[in-house]
Structure formats: C-alpha cells, structure tokens
C-alpha cells in the first residue's frame, strides 16, 4: 500500500483510560476552540449513571430537543439519535451523535474525552470537579455499555461540491497518523500503537479491525456495528473516525 509520509502533529495523542495522558484544554469550559469534542464512557447497566454522564456534557450541546429529553430522563429518546445544534452559521451545521453499545465485557468503568485537536484530556488536570468525581464513581463498577457522545461540524457547501468525499482519520499515540479516502479499498492497513500494531481493512465504504494487540478486542467489536463512525482502541492508543 502506497501512502504519503506519516503526518505527525504532536508528541501527545490518545492515552490509556487508566492514565489519561494528554495536553488538552479544559473541556467543560465554554471555550470556542473546544466546541468540537468526543467522549467515550464505559458504563454499568444503570440508566441513572448513563443519564448523569449525558448531563455532564449537556451545556456543550446546544439543542433544545436534547435538553428536553434529558431533563425529563427520557433515555430512549436520546440513545442512538442525532441532534442538531441551534444557531449555527448558514453553511455550517453542528450536530451531536449519541450512541450506546453493549460491549458484554468484564472491564471497569472509565471515561475519556478528546477535543478538536484530537488530544485526550488529562483527568487529573483537565477535568473539572464534577467530571473527575463522576470518573471516580464509575471506576469501581463493571461496565456493560460504551456510551459515545460526538459533537461534529459539517460544511454544507462542501457536501454539495463533494457529496461522497468521506475520509478515514486515524490517530495514534503520536497524533494524526493518516487520512485515507473511504472510497478506496485496502485489504490491510497497519497502524502502530503503544502496545503493537492494529490492523484494519477498508472495504466497500466500511472499516473493519481485523487484528489488535489489546486484550478485550472492543475495537474489533465496534468495527462490526452498522453505522458506527468511530472505533477506539484505548489500550493501543488508536482512534479511527469517519469524517
């Protein structure tokens, strides 16, 4: 496979959930640069805890419909839904995707967050008290679900010009590793991580993890979920997003 030289945008990238190493800014402040963010939480089978996690990020999601359902604890109206953000620019549309995936694996709960710069925030430095306390609470519980909250921007003008121009953005522990067109097929792409190589396949507009050195293989399970646009291998410090 011919690829351009690896692009390295920084020395700090994804980090393990247990340590949360990063150079991110404080997410929970209303910082303009942190408007775009993603969070991934391994949570127990407890609706209240899932709702509590969503409420932590409620102020970042400027959607009246989302807030209405959340304030009324209507979890079924939130999960696996997309909510559009109000008061955007004419050619720019922001939206949040909320997904809850059953992982059926015996791992402790945890949460990690990355900002627009693809930097994972350090819990000990970047989390405010509310988020830090929540993380401590779920650390002691076994998780059953992976909750993802992804706030993204879409350029409507770009969609008109290039309606099918989907890109796979791959980040490892050293920053941005590669961008690959989703319209191309590759039987094998090797991604170096902190504990070994993660191998992916790109076929017919979909991405599949075919091999990973991580223990629980959650990334492999995530890649086989229909419509999933994010694959995270936290132990190997790799994030794969379709943008």
C-alpha atoms as a PDB file:
ATOM      1  CA  UNK A   1       0.000   0.000   0.000  1.00  0.00           C
ATOM      2  CA  UNK A   2       1.479   3.348  -1.052  1.00  0.00           C
ATOM      3  CA  UNK A   3       0.949   6.134   1.450  1.00  0.00           C
ATOM      4  CA  UNK A   4       2.446   9.548   1.986  1.00  0.00           C
ATOM      5  CA  UNK A   5       4.872  10.159   4.821  1.00  0.00           C
ATOM      6  CA  UNK A   6       3.229   9.875   8.181  1.00  0.00           C
ATOM      7  CA  UNK A   7       1.896  13.178   9.402  1.00  0.00           C
ATOM      8  CA  UNK A   8       2.846  13.946  12.967  1.00  0.00           C
ATOM      9  CA  UNK A   9       1.069  16.863  14.548  1.00  0.00           C
ATOM     10  CA  UNK A  10       2.298  16.471  18.108  1.00  0.00           C
ATOM     11  CA  UNK A  11       4.042  14.268  20.606  1.00  0.00           C
ATOM     12  CA  UNK A  12       0.929  13.597  22.669  1.00  0.00           C
ATOM     13  CA  UNK A  13      -2.118  11.750  21.326  1.00  0.00           C
ATOM     14  CA  UNK A  14      -4.547   9.158  22.587  1.00  0.00           C
ATOM     15  CA  UNK A  15      -3.852   7.751  26.008  1.00  0.00           C
ATOM     16  CA  UNK A  16      -4.922   4.749  28.023  1.00  0.00           C
ATOM     17  CA  UNK A  17      -8.031   5.140  30.133  1.00  0.00           C
ATOM     18  CA  UNK A  18      -6.106   4.253  33.240  1.00  0.00           C
ATOM     19  CA  UNK A  19      -3.673   7.167  32.943  1.00  0.00           C
ATOM     20  CA  UNK A  20      -5.422   9.720  30.752  1.00  0.00           C
ATOM     21  CA  UNK A  21      -2.242  11.407  29.494  1.00  0.00           C
ATOM     22  CA  UNK A  22      -2.843  14.456  27.331  1.00  0.00           C
ATOM     23  CA  UNK A  23      -2.255  18.116  26.629  1.00  0.00           C
ATOM     24  CA  UNK A  24      -5.859  19.165  26.079  1.00  0.00           C
ATOM     25  CA  UNK A  25      -7.539  22.293  27.354  1.00  0.00           C
ATOM     26  CA  UNK A  26     -10.332  22.176  29.904  1.00  0.00           C
ATOM     27  CA  UNK A  27     -13.292  20.717  28.075  1.00  0.00           C
ATOM     28  CA  UNK A  28     -16.079  21.715  30.399  1.00  0.00           C
ATOM     29  CA  UNK A  29     -15.407  25.424  29.997  1.00  0.00           C
ATOM     30  CA  UNK A  30     -17.204  27.089  27.099  1.00  0.00           C
ATOM     31  CA  UNK A  31     -14.009  27.501  25.122  1.00  0.00           C
ATOM     32  CA  UNK A  32     -14.624  28.253  21.455  1.00  0.00           C
ATOM     33  CA  UNK A  33     -11.717  26.010  20.446  1.00  0.00           C
ATOM     34  CA  UNK A  34     -13.325  23.085  22.250  1.00  0.00           C
ATOM     35  CA  UNK A  35     -16.704  23.324  20.530  1.00  0.00           C
ATOM     36  CA  UNK A  36     -15.946  20.063  18.738  1.00  0.00           C
ATOM     37  CA  UNK A  37     -15.347  17.166  21.080  1.00  0.00           C
ATOM     38  CA  UNK A  38     -15.924  13.456  21.577  1.00  0.00           C
ATOM     39  CA  UNK A  39     -16.328  11.466  24.764  1.00  0.00           C
ATOM     40  CA  UNK A  40     -16.386   7.703  25.267  1.00  0.00           C
ATOM     41  CA  UNK A  41     -17.524   6.212  28.547  1.00  0.00           C
ATOM     42  CA  UNK A  42     -17.544   2.594  29.685  1.00  0.00           C
ATOM     43  CA  UNK A  43     -20.598   2.464  31.935  1.00  0.00           C
ATOM     44  CA  UNK A  44     -22.520  -0.080  34.037  1.00  0.00           C
ATOM     45  CA  UNK A  45     -26.061  -1.244  33.326  1.00  0.00           C
ATOM     46  CA  UNK A  46     -27.588   1.657  35.215  1.00  0.00           C
ATOM     47  CA  UNK A  47     -29.859   4.184  33.483  1.00  0.00           C
ATOM     48  CA  UNK A  48     -29.265   6.834  36.142  1.00  0.00           C
ATOM     49  CA  UNK A  49     -25.499   6.700  35.647  1.00  0.00           C
ATOM     50  CA  UNK A  50     -25.920   6.887  31.870  1.00  0.00           C
ATOM     51  CA  UNK A  51     -28.173   9.933  32.265  1.00  0.00           C
ATOM     52  CA  UNK A  52     -25.725  11.507  34.713  1.00  0.00           C
ATOM     53  CA  UNK A  53     -22.949  11.121  32.159  1.00  0.00           C
ATOM     54  CA  UNK A  54     -25.045  12.819  29.473  1.00  0.00           C
ATOM     55  CA  UNK A  55     -25.949  15.663  31.845  1.00  0.00           C
ATOM     56  CA  UNK A  56     -22.280  16.435  32.450  1.00  0.00           C
ATOM     57  CA  UNK A  57     -21.964  17.448  28.791  1.00  0.00           C
ATOM     58  CA  UNK A  58     -25.433  18.976  28.401  1.00  0.00           C
ATOM     59  CA  UNK A  59     -24.161  22.573  28.336  1.00  0.00           C
ATOM     60  CA  UNK A  60     -21.907  21.721  25.371  1.00  0.00           C
ATOM     61  CA  UNK A  61     -24.866  20.502  23.304  1.00  0.00           C
ATOM     62  CA  UNK A  62     -26.976  23.497  22.326  1.00  0.00           C
ATOM     63  CA  UNK A  63     -30.092  21.570  21.379  1.00  0.00           C
ATOM     64  CA  UNK A  64     -33.461  22.262  22.990  1.00  0.00           C
ATOM     65  CA  UNK A  65     -34.799  18.859  21.947  1.00  0.00           C
ATOM     66  CA  UNK A  66     -31.827  17.074  23.507  1.00  0.00           C
ATOM     67  CA  UNK A  67     -32.178  19.115  26.721  1.00  0.00           C
ATOM     68  CA  UNK A  68     -35.916  18.446  26.905  1.00  0.00           C
ATOM     69  CA  UNK A  69     -35.498  14.681  26.723  1.00  0.00           C
ATOM     70  CA  UNK A  70     -32.540  14.727  29.097  1.00  0.00           C
ATOM     71  CA  UNK A  71     -34.247  16.911  31.704  1.00  0.00           C
ATOM     72  CA  UNK A  72     -37.219  14.523  31.613  1.00  0.00           C
ATOM     73  CA  UNK A  73     -34.946  11.466  31.871  1.00  0.00           C
ATOM     74  CA  UNK A  74     -36.223  10.070  28.562  1.00  0.00           C
ATOM     75  CA  UNK A  75     -33.170   7.991  27.768  1.00  0.00           C
ATOM     76  CA  UNK A  76     -34.850   6.035  24.964  1.00  0.00           C
ATOM     77  CA  UNK A  77     -35.421   9.292  23.052  1.00  0.00           C
ATOM     78  CA  UNK A  78     -31.702  10.167  23.256  1.00  0.00           C
ATOM     79  CA  UNK A  79     -29.802   6.943  22.617  1.00  0.00           C
ATOM     80  CA  UNK A  80     -28.755   6.233  19.026  1.00  0.00           C
ATOM     81  CA  UNK A  81     -30.078   9.611  17.878  1.00  0.00           C
ATOM     82  CA  UNK A  82     -28.617  12.685  16.170  1.00  0.00           C
ATOM     83  CA  UNK A  83     -29.393  16.169  17.487  1.00  0.00           C
ATOM     84  CA  UNK A  84     -28.690  19.332  15.505  1.00  0.00           C
ATOM     85  CA  UNK A  85     -27.297  22.351  17.286  1.00  0.00           C
ATOM     86  CA  UNK A  86     -29.260  25.604  17.036  1.00  0.00           C
ATOM     87  CA  UNK A  87     -27.869  29.000  15.976  1.00  0.00           C
ATOM     88  CA  UNK A  88     -25.200  27.782  13.567  1.00  0.00           C
ATOM     89  CA  UNK A  89     -23.806  29.669  10.593  1.00  0.00           C
ATOM     90  CA  UNK A  90     -25.657  29.369   7.280  1.00  0.00           C
ATOM     91  CA  UNK A  91     -23.210  26.954   5.615  1.00  0.00           C
ATOM     92  CA  UNK A  92     -22.149  25.146   8.783  1.00  0.00           C
ATOM     93  CA  UNK A  93     -24.213  22.631  10.699  1.00  0.00           C
ATOM     94  CA  UNK A  94     -23.180  21.203  14.065  1.00  0.00           C
ATOM     95  CA  UNK A  95     -24.685  18.006  15.377  1.00  0.00           C
ATOM     96  CA  UNK A  96     -24.194  15.510  18.161  1.00  0.00           C
ATOM     97  CA  UNK A  97     -24.467  11.735  17.782  1.00  0.00           C
ATOM     98  CA  UNK A  98     -25.292   9.765  20.934  1.00  0.00           C
ATOM     99  CA  UNK A  99     -24.757   6.007  20.804  1.00  0.00           C
ATOM    100  CA  UNK A 100     -24.951   3.257  23.402  1.00  0.00           C
ATOM    101  CA  UNK A 101     -23.232  -0.003  22.505  1.00  0.00           C
ATOM    102  CA  UNK A 102     -23.467  -3.206  24.539  1.00  0.00           C
ATOM    103  CA  UNK A 103     -19.907  -4.490  24.971  1.00  0.00           C
ATOM    104  CA  UNK A 104     -20.560  -7.630  27.037  1.00  0.00           C
ATOM    105  CA  UNK A 105     -17.115  -7.497  28.567  1.00  0.00           C
ATOM    106  CA  UNK A 106     -15.943  -7.542  32.167  1.00  0.00           C
ATOM    107  CA  UNK A 107     -13.941  -4.309  32.410  1.00  0.00           C
ATOM    108  CA  UNK A 108     -14.046  -1.459  34.896  1.00  0.00           C
ATOM    109  CA  UNK A 109     -15.894   1.707  34.030  1.00  0.00           C
ATOM    110  CA  UNK A 110     -13.987   4.743  32.813  1.00  0.00           C
ATOM    111  CA  UNK A 111     -14.285   7.792  30.573  1.00  0.00           C
ATOM    112  CA  UNK A 112     -12.039   9.656  28.176  1.00  0.00           C
ATOM    113  CA  UNK A 113     -12.554  12.827  26.200  1.00  0.00           C
ATOM    114  CA  UNK A 114     -10.770  14.334  23.222  1.00  0.00           C
ATOM    115  CA  UNK A 115     -11.095  17.832  21.793  1.00  0.00           C
ATOM    116  CA  UNK A 116     -10.950  19.280  18.283  1.00  0.00           C
ATOM    117  CA  UNK A 117      -7.180  18.841  18.218  1.00  0.00           C
ATOM    118  CA  UNK A 118      -7.570  15.077  18.792  1.00  0.00           C
ATOM    119  CA  UNK A 119      -5.865  15.355  22.158  1.00  0.00           C
ATOM    120  CA  UNK A 120      -7.132  13.259  25.018  1.00  0.00           C
ATOM    121  CA  UNK A 121      -7.656  15.361  28.114  1.00  0.00           C
ATOM    122  CA  UNK A 122      -5.783  14.534  31.295  1.00  0.00           C
ATOM    123  CA  UNK A 123      -8.369  13.692  34.005  1.00  0.00           C
ATOM    124  CA  UNK A 124      -6.069  14.864  36.799  1.00  0.00           C
ATOM    125  CA  UNK A 125      -5.508  18.262  35.232  1.00  0.00           C
ATOM    126  CA  UNK A 126      -8.189  18.993  32.639  1.00  0.00           C
ATOM    127  CA  UNK A 127     -11.365  17.524  34.157  1.00  0.00           C
ATOM    128  CA  UNK A 128     -13.400  19.819  36.361  1.00  0.00           C
ATOM    129  CA  UNK A 129     -14.517  18.553  39.765  1.00  0.00           C
ATOM    130  CA  UNK A 130     -17.871  17.238  38.528  1.00  0.00           C
ATOM    131  CA  UNK A 131     -16.362  15.135  35.757  1.00  0.00           C
ATOM    132  CA  UNK A 132     -13.482  13.970  37.941  1.00  0.00           C
ATOM    133  CA  UNK A 133     -15.886  12.779  40.686  1.00  0.00           C
ATOM    134  CA  UNK A 134     -18.035  11.001  38.086  1.00  0.00           C
ATOM    135  CA  UNK A 135     -14.963   9.190  36.749  1.00  0.00           C
ATOM    136  CA  UNK A 136     -14.001   8.078  40.247  1.00  0.00           C
ATOM    137  CA  UNK A 137     -17.544   6.771  40.771  1.00  0.00           C
ATOM    138  CA  UNK A 138     -17.638   4.560  37.666  1.00  0.00           C
ATOM    139  CA  UNK A 139     -14.053   3.306  38.099  1.00  0.00           C
ATOM    140  CA  UNK A 140     -15.284   0.951  40.816  1.00  0.00           C
ATOM    141  CA  UNK A 141     -18.086  -0.541  38.695  1.00  0.00           C
ATOM    142  CA  UNK A 142     -18.031  -3.170  35.956  1.00  0.00           C
ATOM    143  CA  UNK A 143     -19.132  -1.797  32.615  1.00  0.00           C
ATOM    144  CA  UNK A 144     -21.685  -3.214  30.227  1.00  0.00           C
ATOM    145  CA  UNK A 145     -22.043  -0.341  27.762  1.00  0.00           C
ATOM    146  CA  UNK A 146     -19.905   2.024  25.757  1.00  0.00           C
ATOM    147  CA  UNK A 147     -21.552   5.439  25.556  1.00  0.00           C
ATOM    148  CA  UNK A 148     -20.250   7.732  22.834  1.00  0.00           C
ATOM    149  CA  UNK A 149     -21.099  11.420  22.542  1.00  0.00           C
ATOM    150  CA  UNK A 150     -19.657  13.034  19.429  1.00  0.00           C
ATOM    151  CA  UNK A 151     -20.148  16.695  18.583  1.00  0.00           C
ATOM    152  CA  UNK A 152     -19.137  17.443  14.998  1.00  0.00           C
ATOM    153  CA  UNK A 153     -19.379  20.150  12.369  1.00  0.00           C
ATOM    154  CA  UNK A 154     -20.499  19.712   8.786  1.00  0.00           C
ATOM    155  CA  UNK A 155     -19.845  22.132   5.959  1.00  0.00           C
ATOM    156  CA  UNK A 156     -22.980  22.091   3.812  1.00  0.00           C
ATOM    157  CA  UNK A 157     -21.269  23.804   0.894  1.00  0.00           C
ATOM    158  CA  UNK A 158     -18.541  21.159   0.893  1.00  0.00           C
ATOM    159  CA  UNK A 159     -21.195  18.426   0.932  1.00  0.00           C
ATOM    160  CA  UNK A 160     -22.756  19.887  -2.212  1.00  0.00           C
ATOM    161  CA  UNK A 161     -19.403  20.056  -4.034  1.00  0.00           C
ATOM    162  CA  UNK A 162     -18.092  16.686  -2.784  1.00  0.00           C
ATOM    163  CA  UNK A 163     -21.133  14.721  -1.558  1.00  0.00           C
ATOM    164  CA  UNK A 164     -19.269  11.401  -1.292  1.00  0.00           C
ATOM    165  CA  UNK A 165     -15.914  12.626  -0.058  1.00  0.00           C
ATOM    166  CA  UNK A 166     -15.736  10.622   3.165  1.00  0.00           C
ATOM    167  CA  UNK A 167     -12.360  10.381   4.905  1.00  0.00           C
ATOM    168  CA  UNK A 168     -10.992   7.926   7.467  1.00  0.00           C
ATOM    169  CA  UNK A 169      -8.945   9.841  10.026  1.00  0.00           C
ATOM    170  CA  UNK A 170      -6.545   7.684  12.056  1.00  0.00           C
ATOM    171  CA  UNK A 171      -4.882   8.974  15.236  1.00  0.00           C
ATOM    172  CA  UNK A 172      -2.308   7.096  17.292  1.00  0.00           C
ATOM    173  CA  UNK A 173      -0.218   7.964  20.343  1.00  0.00           C
ATOM    174  CA  UNK A 174       1.880  10.424  18.298  1.00  0.00           C
ATOM    175  CA  UNK A 175      -1.010  12.398  16.852  1.00  0.00           C
ATOM    176  CA  UNK A 176      -2.501  12.252  13.365  1.00  0.00           C
ATOM    177  CA  UNK A 177      -1.252   9.070  11.690  1.00  0.00           C
ATOM    178  CA  UNK A 178      -3.046   9.078   8.346  1.00  0.00           C
ATOM    179  CA  UNK A 179      -6.095  10.185   6.359  1.00  0.00           C
ATOM    180  CA  UNK A 180      -7.480   7.733   3.792  1.00  0.00           C
ATOM    181  CA  UNK A 181     -10.396   8.077   1.378  1.00  0.00           C
ATOM    182  CA  UNK A 182     -13.295   5.800   2.295  1.00  0.00           C
ATOM    183  CA  UNK A 183     -13.915   5.264  -1.415  1.00  0.00           C
ATOM    184  CA  UNK A 184     -10.723   3.190  -1.702  1.00  0.00           C
ATOM    185  CA  UNK A 185     -10.366  -0.473  -0.710  1.00  0.00           C
ATOM    186  CA  UNK A 186      -7.378  -1.791   1.240  1.00  0.00           C
ATOM    187  CA  UNK A 187      -7.061  -5.371   2.443  1.00  0.00           C
ATOM    188  CA  UNK A 188      -4.606  -4.363   5.167  1.00  0.00           C
ATOM    189  CA  UNK A 189      -3.513  -1.127   6.837  1.00  0.00           C
ATOM    190  CA  UNK A 190      -1.062  -1.444   9.733  1.00  0.00           C
ATOM    191  CA  UNK A 191      -1.374   1.205  12.448  1.00  0.00           C
ATOM    192  CA  UNK A 192       1.436   1.299  15.038  1.00  0.00           C
ATOM    193  CA  UNK A 193       0.231   1.848  18.588  1.00  0.00           C
ATOM    194  CA  UNK A 194       1.650   1.919  22.081  1.00  0.00           C
ATOM    195  CA  UNK A 195       1.457  -1.881  22.588  1.00  0.00           C
ATOM    196  CA  UNK A 196       1.708  -3.133  18.993  1.00  0.00           C
ATOM    197  CA  UNK A 197       0.103  -2.887  15.566  1.00  0.00           C
ATOM    198  CA  UNK A 198      -3.634  -2.629  14.987  1.00  0.00           C
ATOM    199  CA  UNK A 199      -4.637  -3.945  11.567  1.00  0.00           C
ATOM    200  CA  UNK A 200      -7.667  -2.613   9.715  1.00  0.00           C
ATOM    201  CA  UNK A 201      -9.375  -3.367   6.424  1.00  0.00           C
ATOM    202  CA  UNK A 202     -11.255  -0.817   4.293  1.00  0.00           C
ATOM    203  CA  UNK A 203     -13.858  -2.367   2.037  1.00  0.00           C
ATOM    204  CA  UNK A 204     -16.970  -1.040   0.268  1.00  0.00           C
ATOM    205  CA  UNK A 205     -17.090   2.147   2.329  1.00  0.00           C
ATOM    206  CA  UNK A 206     -16.621   0.399   5.685  1.00  0.00           C
ATOM    207  CA  UNK A 207     -13.733  -0.005   8.131  1.00  0.00           C
ATOM    208  CA  UNK A 208     -13.051  -3.252   9.998  1.00  0.00           C
ATOM    209  CA  UNK A 209     -10.483  -4.044  12.688  1.00  0.00           C
ATOM    210  CA  UNK A 210      -9.117  -7.461  11.753  1.00  0.00           C
ATOM    211  CA  UNK A 211      -6.398  -7.740  14.389  1.00  0.00           C
ATOM    212  CA  UNK A 212      -5.427  -5.859  17.532  1.00  0.00           C
ATOM    213  CA  UNK A 213      -2.950  -6.486  20.373  1.00  0.00           C
ATOM    214  CA  UNK A 214      -5.424  -5.285  23.013  1.00  0.00           C
ATOM    215  CA  UNK A 215      -6.864  -7.761  25.497  1.00  0.00           C
ATOM    216  CA  UNK A 216     -10.618  -7.252  25.253  1.00  0.00           C
ATOM    217  CA  UNK A 217     -10.893  -6.616  21.472  1.00  0.00           C
ATOM    218  CA  UNK A 218     -13.565  -3.937  21.980  1.00  0.00           C
ATOM    219  CA  UNK A 219     -12.285  -2.085  18.923  1.00  0.00           C
ATOM    220  CA  UNK A 220     -12.863  -5.187  16.819  1.00  0.00           C
ATOM    221  CA  UNK A 221     -16.427  -5.463  18.096  1.00  0.00           C
ATOM    222  CA  UNK A 222     -17.069  -1.756  17.496  1.00  0.00           C
ATOM    223  CA  UNK A 223     -15.982  -2.023  13.870  1.00  0.00           C
ATOM    224  CA  UNK A 224     -18.707  -4.556  13.099  1.00  0.00           C
ATOM    225  CA  UNK A 225     -21.550  -2.370  14.372  1.00  0.00           C
ATOM    226  CA  UNK A 226     -23.607  -0.988  11.498  1.00  0.00           C
ATOM    227  CA  UNK A 227     -23.449   2.790  11.188  1.00  0.00           C
ATOM    228  CA  UNK A 228     -20.641   3.182  13.703  1.00  0.00           C
ATOM    229  CA  UNK A 229     -18.368   6.060  12.660  1.00  0.00           C
ATOM    230  CA  UNK A 230     -15.824   5.792  15.461  1.00  0.00           C
ATOM    231  CA  UNK A 231     -13.559   2.939  16.507  1.00  0.00           C
ATOM    232  CA  UNK A 232     -11.444   3.380  19.624  1.00  0.00           C
ATOM    233  CA  UNK A 233      -8.681   1.092  20.846  1.00  0.00           C
ATOM    234  CA  UNK A 234      -7.773   2.700  24.125  1.00  0.00           C
ATOM    235  CA  UNK A 235      -5.041   0.247  25.276  1.00  0.00           C
ATOM    236  CA  UNK A 236      -3.216   0.719  21.954  1.00  0.00           C
ATOM    237  CA  UNK A 237      -3.978   4.460  21.931  1.00  0.00           C
ATOM    238  CA  UNK A 238      -5.653   4.447  18.495  1.00  0.00           C
ATOM    239  CA  UNK A 239      -8.754   6.324  17.348  1.00  0.00           C
ATOM    240  CA  UNK A 240     -10.344   5.781  13.925  1.00  0.00           C
ATOM    241  CA  UNK A 241     -13.054   8.196  12.768  1.00  0.00           C
ATOM    242  CA  UNK A 242     -15.047   8.533   9.566  1.00  0.00           C
ATOM    243  CA  UNK A 243     -15.415  12.245   8.859  1.00  0.00           C
END
